[in-house]
Amino acid sequence: MDSYELTDRGKIVIAVVVAVILLLLPSAILLYKTVTSPPSQPTGTPNSEATGEPPPTLAEPTSPEIKDSPPPNGGGLYPSDNPPSNGGDNPDGQSPIPSPDQGHSSVDPVGGTLSFSFFPDRQTTLNRETTSMLDTFLSSPNNTQDSFIIIEIPRVSDEDVEKLMAAVVSAFAAQGVGEQRLTFSTRPSDVSGGAIDVNLYYVAHQGK
């Protein structure tokens, strides 16, 4: 048999081949494991392929539903059982106390009378409604040169009388009526709800 003897060059080639094999072998093993192993599942999530169930889906947020509903009591601003009074009586049968800006005044130019309410605790002058009726009252045929204007009031304190007299005299002075034509008279009645009910009428000079 023929014998072979490795040369130095052959030894070097064999050493290089062995070194290359040793370097590539771990990489080949890792690549094989990566290709053959199944993909890992996220932590806490069951394997849908193993259980046969589809993966859970995230529910989309829904906006709140707005329903149109009719307002109570047929859509009115006031309950049907309690309609606005419009200046009428209260449900308990008592008349509301008027404010200084409103008040309750009535005038009769034919009869020559004027009535209004005065609140001494809230007023220092006559309210706008009463002031606007003075023209009508002074246009009465009973308003003559020899007539007096009687201001009839209930029995009240001196302080309230002073407030009322000052307000009445000032209002008539603005209409050109002097204080000498005004006469204050009291009647035996009480004050109701803090209001002084005032009545005005004409009396001829001869009948005074």
Protein backbone atom coordinates (compact mmCIF):
# COMPACT_ATOMS: atom_id res chain seq x y z
CA MET A 1 0.00 0.00 0.00
CA ASP A 2 1.06 3.48 -0.71
CA SER A 3 1.58 5.67 2.31
CA TYR A 4 0.73 9.37 2.37
CA GLU A 5 2.53 11.95 4.38
CA LEU A 6 0.94 15.23 5.25
CA THR A 7 2.88 18.23 4.33
CA ASP A 8 2.96 21.42 6.27
CA ARG A 9 0.65 23.00 3.77
CA GLY A 10 -1.87 20.16 4.16
CA LYS A 11 -1.78 20.46 7.92
CA ILE A 12 -2.58 24.14 7.68
CA VAL A 13 -5.56 23.50 5.38
CA ILE A 14 -6.95 20.82 7.71
CA ALA A 15 -6.58 23.13 10.70
CA VAL A 16 -8.42 25.91 8.91
CA VAL A 17 -11.28 23.60 7.89
CA VAL A 18 -11.67 22.30 11.48
CA ALA A 19 -11.67 25.85 12.85
CA VAL A 20 -14.33 26.92 10.39
CA ILE A 21 -16.48 23.92 11.31
CA LEU A 22 -16.18 24.69 15.02
CA LEU A 23 -17.20 28.33 14.43
CA LEU A 24 -20.20 27.56 12.23
CA LEU A 25 -21.55 24.66 14.26
CA PRO A 26 -23.11 26.74 17.15
CA SER A 27 -24.66 29.16 14.68
CA ALA A 28 -26.18 26.30 12.72
CA ILE A 29 -27.62 24.77 15.92
CA LEU A 30 -29.21 28.09 16.98
CA LEU A 31 -30.66 28.64 13.52
CA TYR A 32 -32.15 25.16 13.51
CA LYS A 33 -33.80 25.65 16.90
CA THR A 34 -35.19 29.00 15.84
CA VAL A 35 -36.73 27.64 12.67
CA THR A 36 -38.21 24.51 14.23
CA SER A 37 -39.54 26.02 17.51
CA PRO A 38 -43.15 27.57 17.53
CA PRO A 39 -43.53 31.32 18.12
CA SER A 40 -43.74 32.29 21.78
CA GLN A 41 -47.06 33.57 23.17
CA PRO A 42 -47.32 36.86 25.11
CA THR A 43 -47.22 36.55 28.85
CA GLY A 44 -50.69 36.22 30.36
CA THR A 45 -52.41 35.56 27.02
CA PRO A 46 -53.61 31.99 26.34
CA ASN A 47 -52.52 30.27 23.14
CA SER A 48 -55.48 30.65 20.78
CA GLU A 49 -54.16 27.94 18.45
CA ALA A 50 -53.88 25.44 21.29
CA THR A 51 -57.34 26.15 22.73
CA GLY A 52 -59.06 26.60 19.40
CA GLU A 53 -60.67 29.88 20.52
CA PRO A 54 -60.31 33.12 18.57
CA PRO A 55 -58.23 35.81 20.25
CA PRO A 56 -60.22 38.34 22.25
CA THR A 57 -61.10 41.55 20.48
CA LEU A 58 -61.08 44.98 22.07
CA ALA A 59 -64.51 46.52 22.23
CA GLU A 60 -64.71 49.91 20.60
CA PRO A 61 -65.87 52.70 22.92
CA THR A 62 -69.39 53.83 22.25
CA SER A 63 -70.60 57.37 22.73
CA PRO A 64 -73.50 57.89 25.16
CA GLU A 65 -76.86 57.90 23.48
CA ILE A 66 -78.83 61.11 23.82
CA LYS A 67 -82.56 60.63 23.75
CA ASP A 68 -84.97 63.42 23.12
CA SER A 69 -87.65 63.38 25.80
CA PRO A 70 -90.47 65.88 26.12
CA PRO A 71 -90.16 68.32 29.04
CA PRO A 72 -92.47 67.76 31.97
CA ASN A 73 -95.97 69.17 32.04
CA GLY A 74 -96.35 69.38 28.29
CA GLY A 75 -93.29 71.57 27.73
CA GLY A 76 -94.57 74.60 29.65
CA LEU A 77 -92.39 76.79 31.81
CA TYR A 78 -94.79 76.43 34.71
CA PRO A 79 -96.42 73.30 36.14
CA SER A 80 -99.96 72.87 34.90
CA ASP A 81 -101.24 72.72 38.49
CA ASN A 82 -99.61 76.06 39.39
CA PRO A 83 -99.90 78.53 36.51
CA PRO A 84 -98.39 82.01 36.89
CA SER A 85 -100.59 84.35 38.80
CA ASN A 86 -100.11 87.41 36.53
CA GLY A 87 -100.80 89.68 39.44
CA GLY A 88 -103.80 87.69 40.66
CA ASP A 89 -104.41 86.18 44.06
CA ASN A 90 -102.11 83.62 45.60
CA PRO A 91 -103.27 79.97 45.89
CA ASP A 92 -103.94 80.53 49.59
CA GLY A 93 -106.41 83.27 48.77
CA GLN A 94 -104.22 86.15 49.99
CA SER A 95 -103.30 88.99 47.67
CA PRO A 96 -99.55 89.43 47.14
CA ILE A 97 -97.91 92.48 48.67
CA PRO A 98 -96.92 94.82 45.84
CA SER A 99 -93.37 96.07 45.56
CA PRO A 100 -92.58 99.81 45.63
CA ASP A 101 -91.90 99.72 41.88
CA GLN A 102 -95.30 98.13 41.14
CA GLY A 103 -97.93 98.93 43.73
CA HIS A 104 -101.67 98.91 43.15
CA SER A 105 -103.25 102.15 42.01
CA SER A 106 -106.64 102.98 40.57
CA VAL A 107 -108.00 106.27 39.31
CA ASP A 108 -111.49 107.50 38.36
CA PRO A 109 -111.35 110.87 36.60
CA VAL A 110 -115.16 111.13 36.36
CA GLY A 111 -115.68 110.57 40.07
CA GLY A 112 -112.46 112.40 40.92
CA THR A 113 -110.88 109.65 43.04
CA LEU A 114 -107.46 108.08 43.28
CA SER A 115 -106.37 105.12 45.43
CA PHE A 116 -102.90 103.65 45.94
CA SER A 117 -100.77 101.78 48.46
CA PHE A 118 -97.75 103.27 50.18
CA PHE A 119 -95.07 101.26 51.99
CA PRO A 120 -93.30 103.54 54.50
CA ASP A 121 -90.64 100.94 55.28
CA ARG A 122 -89.61 100.70 51.61
CA GLN A 123 -90.70 103.97 50.01
CA THR A 124 -89.77 107.62 50.27
CA THR A 125 -91.62 108.70 47.11
CA LEU A 126 -94.71 107.55 45.27
CA ASN A 127 -94.13 104.68 42.88
CA ARG A 128 -94.11 105.15 39.12
CA GLU A 129 -97.61 103.73 38.63
CA THR A 130 -99.18 106.15 41.09
CA THR A 131 -97.22 109.11 39.75
CA SER A 132 -98.36 108.35 36.21
CA MET A 133 -102.01 108.44 37.38
CA LEU A 134 -101.78 111.89 38.92
CA ASP A 135 -102.30 113.50 35.51
CA THR A 136 -105.53 111.54 35.07
CA PHE A 137 -106.68 112.44 38.58
CA LEU A 138 -106.00 116.16 38.04
CA SER A 139 -107.93 116.07 34.75
CA SER A 140 -111.16 115.35 36.68
CA PRO A 141 -113.97 117.93 36.29
CA ASN A 142 -114.08 118.01 40.10
CA ASN A 143 -110.66 119.66 40.09
CA THR A 144 -111.75 123.27 40.31
CA GLN A 145 -110.13 126.40 41.69
CA ASP A 146 -112.20 126.26 44.90
CA SER A 147 -111.79 122.53 45.55
CA PHE A 148 -109.54 120.84 48.04
CA ILE A 149 -107.80 117.48 47.57
CA ILE A 150 -108.47 115.24 50.53
CA ILE A 151 -105.78 112.60 51.27
CA GLU A 152 -107.44 109.99 53.46
CA ILE A 153 -105.14 107.59 55.32
CA PRO A 154 -105.54 105.06 58.16
CA ARG A 155 -104.23 105.66 61.64
CA VAL A 156 -100.46 105.13 61.52
CA SER A 157 -97.45 106.31 63.48
CA ASP A 158 -96.26 109.90 63.25
CA GLU A 159 -93.10 108.75 61.50
CA ASP A 160 -95.08 106.97 58.77
CA VAL A 161 -97.40 109.97 58.40
CA GLU A 162 -94.42 112.25 57.83
CA LYS A 163 -93.00 109.95 55.14
CA LEU A 164 -96.34 109.74 53.37
CA MET A 165 -97.04 113.48 53.56
CA ALA A 166 -93.60 114.31 52.20
CA ALA A 167 -94.07 111.89 49.28
CA VAL A 168 -97.57 113.17 48.41
CA VAL A 169 -96.69 116.87 48.70
CA SER A 170 -93.60 116.34 46.54
CA ALA A 171 -95.59 114.47 43.85
CA PHE A 172 -98.30 117.16 43.65
CA ALA A 173 -95.72 119.95 43.65
CA ALA A 174 -94.18 118.37 40.55
CA GLN A 175 -97.67 118.67 38.95
CA GLY A 176 -97.98 122.34 39.91
CA VAL A 177 -100.40 121.79 42.81
CA GLY A 178 -99.51 123.71 45.96
CA GLU A 179 -99.54 122.29 49.46
CA GLN A 180 -102.33 124.69 50.51
CA ARG A 181 -104.80 122.65 48.41
CA LEU A 182 -103.96 119.38 50.17
CA THR A 183 -105.78 118.24 53.30
CA PHE A 184 -104.88 115.05 55.16
CA SER A 185 -107.62 113.09 56.89
CA THR A 186 -107.54 109.91 58.98
CA ARG A 187 -110.01 107.08 59.05
CA PRO A 188 -110.49 104.43 61.77
CA SER A 189 -108.78 101.50 60.08
CA ASP A 190 -105.57 99.56 60.62
CA VAL A 191 -102.56 99.09 58.38
CA SER A 192 -102.50 95.74 56.54
CA GLY A 193 -99.25 94.05 55.55
CA GLY A 194 -97.20 97.18 56.21
CA ALA A 195 -99.03 99.09 53.46
CA ILE A 196 -100.84 102.38 53.93
CA ASP A 197 -103.95 102.41 51.75
CA VAL A 198 -104.46 106.01 50.62
CA ASN A 199 -107.63 107.44 49.09
CA LEU A 200 -107.77 110.83 47.34
CA TYR A 201 -110.89 112.77 46.37
CA TYR A 202 -112.04 116.31 45.79
CA VAL A 203 -114.13 118.44 48.15
CA ALA A 204 -115.41 121.86 47.14
CA HIS A 205 -114.35 124.86 49.24
CA GLN A 206 -117.90 125.64 50.27
CA GLY A 207 -118.46 122.12 51.57
CA LYS A 208 -115.27 121.98 53.55
